[in-house]
Amino acid sequence: MKRHLLTTVIALMALTANAQSNNLNIEAQLRTRGEHNNGALKQRYEGQQSANYISERARLSFDFKRSDLELKASVQHTGLWGQDDIRQTDGKATISEAWAKMTFGRHFFAQIGRQQLSYDDERILGTQDWDMENFRHDALKLGYESWDLHHRVHLILAMNQEKANRGDYYEGPMPYKNMEGLWYHYGSPMTPLDVSLLALNVGYERGDEGHGRTNYMQTFGTDISYSFGRPLSWNIRGSFYYQMGKTSLRQVEAFMASGNISYTFTPQRRFKLSAGYDYMSGNNYDNPKWNAFNALYGSYHRFFGSMDFFGNTLTWGLQDIKGSISSQICKKVRLDLNYHYLMTATQITDLKKELGHEFDVELTAKLKKDVTLSAGYSTILGTETLDRIASGNHEVWQDWAWLQLNICPSAFFSSK
């Protein structure tokens, strides 16, 4: 009897083990981009030569999954062609991601380790994937996700320390000492309404080493998207974020607001028009508070013009009136045209608020299953106000051109 019972238990254990599917996905990426920088990031002066260079990302990722566990590790090397010695010995490979995600029951999970934080349209927390070395955080993420009810809640906890010393002073390479965040989302691809709520508390160290104190800044906001028409041709999206607290010796009181409307032509859905407006508050001379909104760790490259004159914080604030046309020329080729009319949010002494007009063009072609070729060109017609903010001379022609090849094959293995 005992022998039969033992045999039955062993058989059940074997069946249970075999019932769990183990999946391994291996992905490699080689992204190479050549750039002709004749005025991007900051304006050039008259007579100043352009910068021409090739940057590259080589990444290898392993993603293991089973029903209750997922582990991902991603190693990458980024840099410019010619940046390393021909006999490089001090390797510069970095860990882009290294995390484990454990699920508990049907809805709860815990994810710990180095990970990317991407939420909503990535205005506040994003990957900034345009950069070869994109954003990542060492954090613990706890979550509840009920896909049938369309509700998701994430709790983010991060704490940074440069050395294993006594005391908790930190002014290291990460832009913050600690961060706590709470995100709630309602909606799914099957519903016309998507609503997100975000609350972040970020701590910054200030003062001399060993004698500093942590100041905290809070960001609260919402992102709402609604689609309508047949079949959901119209989309209206808006967001609003407010900041308070303290990052230095000044109190923070800042905000940002964004609105966008788009229409996709049917039935082929190959043509899309959109228009929008972004506002980020800026500092005033007569206000002792810090009024410049900080977009923290968002993917700013996608919002305020591809030439990246305006990062996540602009002292004088920013207004951006934008319009875009996106056309799927054929099955494998897409063309994007973007226009930005840029202004400061506050007055800079005796200068006008107008910063200029930026025009961006991007063409993307899928050459093969895992190979994409894209090219872009941008120019900005600036003003004296832009000279004050981005240096350079607006009377000199400013432009930027790039060509990028992205190769990203993957292999999937499964066992039971």
Protein backbone atom coordinates (compact mmCIF):
# COMPACT_ATOMS: atom_id res chain seq x y z
CA MET A 1 0.00 0.00 0.00
CA LYS A 2 2.79 2.38 0.96
CA ARG A 3 4.65 1.46 -2.21
CA HIS A 4 1.58 2.26 -4.35
CA LEU A 5 1.06 5.55 -2.47
CA LEU A 6 4.70 6.56 -2.95
CA THR A 7 4.49 5.71 -6.65
CA THR A 8 1.33 7.79 -7.01
CA VAL A 9 2.93 10.81 -5.27
CA ILE A 10 6.02 10.62 -7.48
CA ALA A 11 3.85 10.36 -10.59
CA LEU A 12 1.78 13.38 -9.55
CA MET A 13 4.95 15.39 -8.87
CA ALA A 14 6.28 14.52 -12.30
CA LEU A 15 3.02 15.49 -13.98
CA THR A 16 2.97 18.80 -12.09
CA ALA A 17 6.54 19.57 -13.08
CA ASN A 18 5.83 18.74 -16.72
CA ALA A 19 2.65 20.82 -16.65
CA GLN A 20 4.71 23.96 -16.04
CA SER A 21 5.94 25.36 -19.31
CA ASN A 22 9.43 26.86 -19.27
CA ASN A 23 10.04 29.47 -21.95
CA LEU A 24 13.31 31.16 -22.86
CA ASN A 25 13.53 34.08 -25.24
CA ILE A 26 16.94 35.24 -26.43
CA GLU A 27 17.11 38.60 -28.18
CA ALA A 28 20.07 40.37 -29.75
CA GLN A 29 20.14 43.97 -30.91
CA LEU A 30 22.65 45.90 -32.98
CA ARG A 31 21.59 49.51 -33.47
CA THR A 32 23.94 51.73 -35.46
CA ARG A 33 23.25 55.42 -36.11
CA GLY A 34 25.26 57.92 -38.11
CA GLU A 35 24.63 61.61 -37.39
CA HIS A 36 25.45 64.93 -39.03
CA ASN A 37 24.99 67.37 -36.16
CA ASN A 38 24.98 70.90 -37.50
CA GLY A 39 22.94 72.47 -34.72
CA ALA A 40 21.14 69.81 -32.63
CA LEU A 41 21.26 69.74 -28.80
CA LYS A 42 22.53 73.33 -28.88
CA GLN A 43 22.89 75.88 -31.65
CA ARG A 44 26.18 76.40 -33.43
CA TYR A 45 27.95 79.72 -33.85
CA GLU A 46 28.91 81.27 -37.16
CA GLY A 47 31.93 79.46 -38.58
CA GLN A 48 31.60 76.55 -36.17
CA GLN A 49 31.99 73.18 -37.88
CA SER A 50 29.46 70.36 -37.68
CA ALA A 51 29.95 67.14 -35.74
CA ASN A 52 29.87 63.85 -37.66
CA TYR A 53 29.91 60.55 -35.80
CA ILE A 54 28.51 57.03 -35.61
CA SER A 55 27.07 55.67 -32.37
CA GLU A 56 26.11 52.10 -31.63
CA ARG A 57 24.32 49.85 -29.18
CA ALA A 58 25.09 46.14 -28.99
CA ARG A 59 22.71 44.35 -26.62
CA LEU A 60 22.05 40.74 -25.68
CA SER A 61 18.99 39.86 -23.58
CA PHE A 62 17.80 36.64 -21.96
CA ASP A 63 14.21 36.36 -20.75
CA PHE A 64 13.14 33.20 -18.89
CA LYS A 65 9.46 32.64 -18.08
CA ARG A 66 7.28 30.10 -16.41
CA SER A 67 3.85 30.43 -14.86
CA ASP A 68 4.96 32.11 -11.62
CA LEU A 69 8.46 33.40 -12.34
CA GLU A 70 10.24 35.57 -14.92
CA LEU A 71 13.92 36.52 -15.00
CA LYS A 72 15.48 38.93 -17.45
CA ALA A 73 19.10 39.91 -17.93
CA SER A 74 20.32 42.33 -20.57
CA VAL A 75 23.97 43.20 -21.23
CA GLN A 76 24.95 45.98 -23.60
CA HIS A 77 27.84 48.02 -24.90
CA THR A 78 27.24 51.57 -26.13
CA GLY A 79 29.51 54.23 -27.53
CA LEU A 80 30.91 55.89 -30.62
CA TRP A 81 32.90 54.25 -33.36
CA GLY A 82 36.55 54.93 -32.59
CA GLN A 83 35.91 55.77 -28.95
CA ASP A 84 37.77 52.69 -27.70
CA ASP A 85 41.37 51.72 -28.30
CA ILE A 86 42.06 49.15 -31.00
CA ARG A 87 43.18 46.82 -28.19
CA GLN A 88 40.57 47.79 -25.62
CA THR A 89 41.13 45.94 -22.33
CA ASP A 90 38.98 47.77 -19.79
CA GLY A 91 35.59 46.72 -21.24
CA LYS A 92 32.70 49.14 -20.92
CA ALA A 93 29.82 46.69 -21.08
CA THR A 94 27.00 47.51 -18.67
CA ILE A 95 23.97 45.75 -17.25
CA SER A 96 20.96 47.37 -18.85
CA GLU A 97 18.42 45.15 -17.08
CA ALA A 98 18.68 42.42 -14.47
CA TRP A 99 15.46 41.64 -12.63
CA ALA A 100 13.22 38.89 -11.35
CA LYS A 101 9.42 38.98 -11.37
CA MET A 102 7.46 36.66 -9.11
CA THR A 103 3.70 36.28 -9.40
CA PHE A 104 1.42 35.33 -6.52
CA GLY A 105 -1.94 33.97 -7.51
CA ARG A 106 -3.62 35.47 -10.55
CA HIS A 107 -3.17 39.18 -9.89
CA PHE A 108 -0.22 40.06 -7.63
CA PHE A 109 3.46 40.30 -8.50
CA ALA A 110 6.81 41.56 -7.19
CA GLN A 111 9.60 42.67 -9.53
CA ILE A 112 13.03 43.45 -8.12
CA GLY A 113 16.33 44.53 -9.66
CA ARG A 114 17.54 46.82 -12.43
CA GLN A 115 14.56 47.60 -14.65
CA GLN A 116 13.03 50.14 -16.98
CA LEU A 117 10.08 52.19 -15.76
CA SER A 118 7.71 53.08 -18.59
CA TYR A 119 4.30 54.55 -17.82
CA ASP A 120 1.59 56.03 -20.03
CA ASP A 121 3.13 58.17 -22.80
CA GLU A 122 6.46 58.25 -20.91
CA ARG A 123 6.14 61.95 -20.12
CA ILE A 124 7.27 61.52 -16.48
CA LEU A 125 8.73 57.99 -16.35
CA GLY A 126 10.11 56.52 -19.55
CA THR A 127 12.97 54.64 -21.15
CA GLN A 128 14.32 57.45 -23.42
CA ASP A 129 15.08 54.65 -25.86
CA TRP A 130 16.32 57.13 -28.47
CA ASP A 131 19.55 57.34 -26.48
CA MET A 132 21.88 54.41 -26.95
CA GLU A 133 22.28 54.21 -23.17
CA ASN A 134 18.64 54.45 -22.08
CA PHE A 135 17.10 55.04 -18.65
CA ARG A 136 16.96 52.29 -16.02
CA HIS A 137 16.35 52.16 -12.27
CA ASP A 138 17.37 49.84 -9.44
CA ALA A 139 14.04 49.32 -7.77
CA LEU A 140 11.38 47.10 -6.25
CA LYS A 141 8.01 47.14 -7.97
CA LEU A 142 4.94 45.61 -6.36
CA GLY A 143 1.80 45.29 -8.40
CA TYR A 144 -1.79 44.22 -8.75
CA GLU A 145 -3.10 43.60 -12.26
CA SER A 146 -6.60 42.39 -13.01
CA TRP A 147 -6.85 42.22 -16.77
CA ASP A 148 -10.49 41.11 -16.75
CA LEU A 149 -11.49 44.21 -14.73
CA HIS A 150 -8.99 46.50 -16.54
CA HIS A 151 -7.39 47.71 -13.31
CA ARG A 152 -3.65 47.94 -12.58
CA VAL A 153 -1.81 49.29 -9.54
CA HIS A 154 1.98 49.56 -9.23
CA LEU A 155 4.02 50.59 -6.19
CA ILE A 156 7.62 51.65 -6.96
CA LEU A 157 10.35 51.77 -4.31
CA ALA A 158 13.95 52.80 -5.07
CA MET A 159 16.88 53.65 -2.82
CA ASN A 160 20.42 54.49 -4.00
CA GLN A 161 23.74 54.38 -2.19
CA GLU A 162 27.21 54.82 -3.68
CA LYS A 163 29.30 53.18 -0.95
CA ALA A 164 28.61 50.68 1.82
CA ASN A 165 29.52 53.23 4.49
CA ARG A 166 27.76 54.22 7.66
CA GLY A 167 25.46 57.13 7.14
CA ASP A 168 23.04 57.59 4.27
CA TYR A 169 24.46 60.60 2.43
CA TYR A 170 24.17 60.13 -1.34
CA GLU A 171 25.20 62.35 -4.21
CA GLY A 172 26.21 59.65 -6.66
CA PRO A 173 25.66 58.99 -10.35
CA MET A 174 21.90 58.43 -10.09
CA PRO A 175 19.85 61.65 -10.24
CA TYR A 176 18.03 60.92 -6.99
CA LYS A 177 18.65 59.38 -3.58
CA ASN A 178 15.33 57.62 -3.19
CA MET A 179 12.01 57.47 -4.96
CA GLU A 180 8.56 56.19 -4.09
CA GLY A 181 5.79 56.03 -6.63
CA LEU A 182 2.19 54.86 -6.94
CA TRP A 183 0.53 54.36 -10.34
CA TYR A 184 -3.07 53.37 -11.08
CA HIS A 185 -4.45 52.63 -14.53
CA TYR A 186 -7.91 51.84 -15.82
CA GLY A 187 -8.44 50.63 -19.37
CA SER A 188 -7.24 48.23 -22.01
CA PRO A 189 -6.84 48.12 -25.80
CA MET A 190 -10.47 46.97 -25.95
CA THR A 191 -11.93 50.01 -24.14
CA PRO A 192 -12.24 53.58 -25.53
CA LEU A 193 -11.28 55.19 -22.21
CA ASP A 194 -7.87 55.02 -20.51
CA VAL A 195 -7.21 56.81 -17.22
CA SER A 196 -3.96 56.87 -15.25
CA LEU A 197 -3.10 58.46 -11.92
CA LEU A 198 0.52 58.93 -10.81
CA ALA A 199 2.06 60.05 -7.52
CA LEU A 200 5.84 60.31 -7.07
CA ASN A 201 7.99 61.34 -4.13
CA VAL A 202 11.63 61.93 -5.06
CA GLY A 203 14.41 62.62 -2.55
CA TYR A 204 17.51 64.68 -3.40
CA GLU A 205 20.62 65.06 -1.26
CA ARG A 206 21.90 68.59 -0.70
CA GLY A 207 24.88 70.02 1.18
CA ASP A 208 28.48 68.98 1.79
CA GLU A 209 29.31 65.29 1.95
CA GLY A 210 28.44 63.84 5.31
CA HIS A 211 26.53 66.95 6.34
CA GLY A 212 23.71 67.02 3.85
CA ARG A 213 19.98 66.62 4.19
CA THR A 214 17.37 65.06 1.96
CA ASN A 215 14.84 67.34 0.31
CA TYR A 216 11.72 65.86 -1.24
CA MET A 217 9.69 66.88 -4.25
CA GLN A 218 6.24 65.46 -4.99
CA THR A 219 4.63 65.07 -8.41
CA PHE A 220 0.92 64.30 -8.81
CA GLY A 221 -0.93 63.97 -12.06
CA THR A 222 -3.18 62.19 -14.49
CA ASP A 223 -3.13 61.01 -18.09
CA ILE A 224 -6.47 60.48 -19.85
CA SER A 225 -7.14 59.15 -23.35
CA TYR A 226 -10.49 58.70 -25.07
CA SER A 227 -11.16 57.22 -28.52
CA PHE A 228 -14.40 57.43 -30.48
CA GLY A 229 -15.80 57.16 -33.99
CA ARG A 230 -15.97 54.11 -36.20
CA PRO A 231 -13.69 52.28 -35.83
CA LEU A 232 -12.27 54.57 -33.12
CA SER A 233 -10.86 57.01 -35.65
CA TRP A 234 -10.67 59.96 -33.24
CA ASN A 235 -8.48 60.12 -30.17
CA ILE A 236 -8.27 62.86 -27.55
CA ARG A 237 -5.50 62.73 -24.97
CA GLY A 238 -4.70 65.06 -22.11
CA SER A 239 -2.42 65.12 -19.09
CA PHE A 240 -1.80 67.38 -16.12
CA TYR A 241 0.91 67.19 -13.45
CA TYR A 242 1.55 69.38 -10.42
CA GLN A 243 4.77 69.58 -8.40
CA MET A 244 5.39 70.71 -4.85
CA GLY A 245 7.96 70.20 -2.11
CA LYS A 246 11.60 71.24 -2.08
CA THR A 247 14.67 70.34 -4.14
CA SER A 248 17.15 72.94 -2.89
CA LEU A 249 16.74 76.04 -0.76
CA ARG A 250 13.60 77.02 -2.69
CA GLN A 251 10.07 75.73 -2.41
CA VAL A 252 8.66 74.10 -5.54
CA GLU A 253 5.35 75.08 -7.11
CA ALA A 254 5.18 74.05 -10.77
CA PHE A 255 2.88 72.34 -13.25
CA MET A 256 2.58 71.08 -16.80
CA ALA A 257 -0.41 70.48 -19.05
CA SER A 258 -0.76 68.76 -22.39
CA GLY A 259 -3.54 68.16 -24.88
CA ASN A 260 -3.58 66.32 -28.19
CA ILE A 261 -6.22 65.33 -30.74
CA SER A 262 -5.70 62.98 -33.66
CA TYR A 263 -7.73 61.50 -36.50
CA THR A 264 -6.87 58.30 -38.37
CA PHE A 265 -8.40 57.92 -41.80
CA THR A 266 -10.22 54.65 -42.44
CA PRO A 267 -10.59 51.96 -43.63
CA GLN A 268 -6.90 51.38 -44.44
CA ARG A 269 -5.81 53.51 -41.44
CA ARG A 270 -2.70 54.56 -43.32
CA PHE A 271 -2.99 58.31 -42.79
CA LYS A 272 -3.08 60.15 -39.47
CA LEU A 273 -3.34 63.84 -38.56
CA SER A 274 -2.75 65.21 -35.09
CA ALA A 275 -2.40 68.54 -33.30
CA GLY A 276 -1.46 69.37 -29.75
CA TYR A 277 -0.26 71.86 -27.17
CA ASP A 278 2.20 71.42 -24.29
CA TYR A 279 2.82 73.85 -21.44
CA MET A 280 5.56 73.59 -18.81
CA SER A 281 5.65 76.36 -16.20
CA GLY A 282 8.82 78.41 -15.71
CA ASN A 283 10.45 80.70 -13.17
CA ASN A 284 9.51 84.33 -12.64
CA TYR A 285 11.97 86.95 -11.42
CA ASP A 286 9.60 88.29 -8.78
CA ASN A 287 8.64 84.90 -7.31
CA PRO A 288 10.90 83.40 -4.62
CA LYS A 289 9.52 79.92 -5.35
CA TRP A 290 10.88 77.52 -7.97
CA ASN A 291 8.23 77.40 -10.70
CA ALA A 292 10.10 75.50 -13.43
CA PHE A 293 8.47 72.12 -13.99
CA ASN A 294 10.76 69.09 -13.96
CA ALA A 295 9.62 66.22 -16.21
CA LEU A 296 11.92 63.96 -14.16
CA TYR A 297 12.84 60.78 -16.05
CA GLY A 298 10.55 60.97 -19.04
CA SER A 299 11.37 60.35 -22.70
CA TYR A 300 11.66 64.00 -23.67
CA HIS A 301 12.97 63.29 -27.19
CA ARG A 302 9.48 62.42 -28.40
CA PHE A 303 7.76 65.61 -27.21
CA PHE A 304 9.49 68.95 -27.80
CA GLY A 305 11.19 68.52 -31.15
CA SER A 306 13.74 65.98 -32.29
CA MET A 307 16.69 68.39 -32.07
CA ASP A 308 16.51 68.12 -28.26
CA PHE A 309 17.11 71.75 -27.33
CA PHE A 310 14.68 71.27 -24.47
CA GLY A 311 15.22 68.49 -21.98
CA ASN A 312 13.23 67.58 -18.91
CA THR A 313 13.71 70.96 -17.20
CA LEU A 314 13.73 74.43 -18.72
CA THR A 315 14.22 77.34 -16.34
CA TRP A 316 11.95 79.64 -18.30
CA GLY A 317 9.35 76.97 -19.01
CA LEU A 318 8.12 75.94 -22.44
CA GLN A 319 5.10 76.21 -24.73
CA ASP A 320 4.87 73.93 -27.74
CA ILE A 321 2.16 74.20 -30.39
CA LYS A 322 2.57 71.14 -32.59
CA GLY A 323 1.12 69.38 -35.58
CA SER A 324 2.02 66.13 -37.32
CA ILE A 325 1.19 64.03 -40.35
CA SER A 326 1.90 60.31 -40.37
CA SER A 327 1.49 58.25 -43.52
CA GLN A 328 1.90 54.51 -44.01
CA ILE A 329 3.11 54.87 -47.60
CA CYS A 330 3.06 51.12 -48.11
CA LYS A 331 3.08 48.02 -45.94
CA LYS A 332 6.73 48.44 -44.93
CA VAL A 333 7.37 52.19 -45.25
CA ARG A 334 6.12 55.00 -42.99
CA LEU A 335 6.66 58.78 -43.26
CA ASP A 336 6.29 61.20 -40.33
CA LEU A 337 6.23 65.01 -40.65
CA ASN A 338 6.25 67.11 -37.47
CA TYR A 339 6.08 70.85 -36.81
CA HIS A 340 6.72 72.70 -33.52
CA TYR A 341 6.12 76.37 -32.73
CA LEU A 342 8.09 76.92 -29.53
CA MET A 343 7.89 79.64 -26.90
CA THR A 344 8.98 80.16 -23.31
CA ALA A 345 6.31 80.13 -20.63
CA THR A 346 7.67 83.23 -18.87
CA GLN A 347 9.28 86.44 -20.04
CA ILE A 348 13.10 86.59 -20.21
CA THR A 349 14.03 90.22 -19.42
CA ASP A 350 13.35 92.30 -22.56
CA LEU A 351 13.25 89.37 -25.01
CA LYS A 352 10.16 87.93 -26.66
CA LYS A 353 8.77 84.56 -25.66
CA GLU A 354 9.11 83.13 -29.17
CA LEU A 355 11.89 80.52 -29.52
CA GLY A 356 11.37 79.45 -33.11
CA HIS A 357 9.91 76.95 -35.55
CA GLU A 358 11.21 73.38 -35.77
CA PHE A 359 10.54 70.99 -38.65
CA ASP A 360 11.21 67.23 -38.34
CA VAL A 361 10.99 64.57 -41.03
CA GLU A 362 11.43 60.83 -40.42
CA LEU A 363 11.22 57.91 -42.85
CA THR A 364 11.11 54.31 -41.59
CA ALA A 365 11.41 51.21 -43.77
CA LYS A 366 11.22 47.56 -42.69
CA LEU A 367 13.83 45.82 -44.82
CA LYS A 368 13.44 42.33 -43.36
CA LYS A 369 11.68 40.60 -40.51
CA ASP A 370 14.24 41.78 -37.94
CA VAL A 371 15.85 44.70 -39.80
CA THR A 372 14.61 48.30 -39.87
CA LEU A 373 16.21 51.28 -41.60
CA SER A 374 15.21 54.81 -40.62
CA ALA A 375 16.38 58.29 -41.53
CA GLY A 376 15.57 61.75 -40.28
CA TYR A 377 16.18 65.42 -40.95
CA SER A 378 15.44 68.40 -38.70
CA THR A 379 15.95 72.14 -38.82
CA ILE A 380 14.98 75.01 -36.56
CA LEU A 381 14.42 78.67 -37.40
CA GLY A 382 15.34 80.26 -34.11
CA THR A 383 15.22 83.68 -32.46
CA GLU A 384 17.35 85.82 -30.14
CA THR A 385 15.54 84.20 -27.23
CA LEU A 386 16.71 80.76 -28.38
CA ASP A 387 20.26 82.15 -28.51
CA ARG A 388 19.96 83.02 -24.83
CA ILE A 389 18.77 79.53 -23.90
CA ALA A 390 20.64 77.25 -26.32
CA SER A 391 23.72 79.41 -27.05
CA GLY A 392 24.81 79.79 -30.65
CA ASN A 393 23.60 82.16 -33.35
CA HIS A 394 20.08 81.78 -34.75
CA GLU A 395 21.07 83.62 -37.92
CA VAL A 396 23.33 80.69 -38.86
CA TRP A 397 21.63 77.70 -40.52
CA GLN A 398 20.96 74.95 -37.96
CA ASP A 399 20.10 71.40 -38.98
CA TRP A 400 20.59 67.76 -38.12
CA ALA A 401 20.46 64.58 -40.20
CA TRP A 402 20.74 60.94 -39.20
CA LEU A 403 20.56 57.42 -40.61
CA GLN A 404 19.92 54.40 -38.39
CA LEU A 405 19.99 50.65 -38.92
CA ASN A 406 18.33 48.51 -36.27
CA ILE A 407 18.84 44.72 -36.32
CA CYS A 408 16.96 42.86 -33.60
CA PRO A 409 16.52 39.09 -34.07
CA SER A 410 15.18 36.81 -31.35
CA ALA A 411 14.86 33.10 -30.70
CA PHE A 412 12.18 31.40 -28.60
CA PHE A 413 12.60 28.07 -26.80
CA SER A 414 9.93 26.18 -24.90
CA SER A 415 9.97 22.99 -22.88
CA LYS A 416 7.45 21.10 -20.77
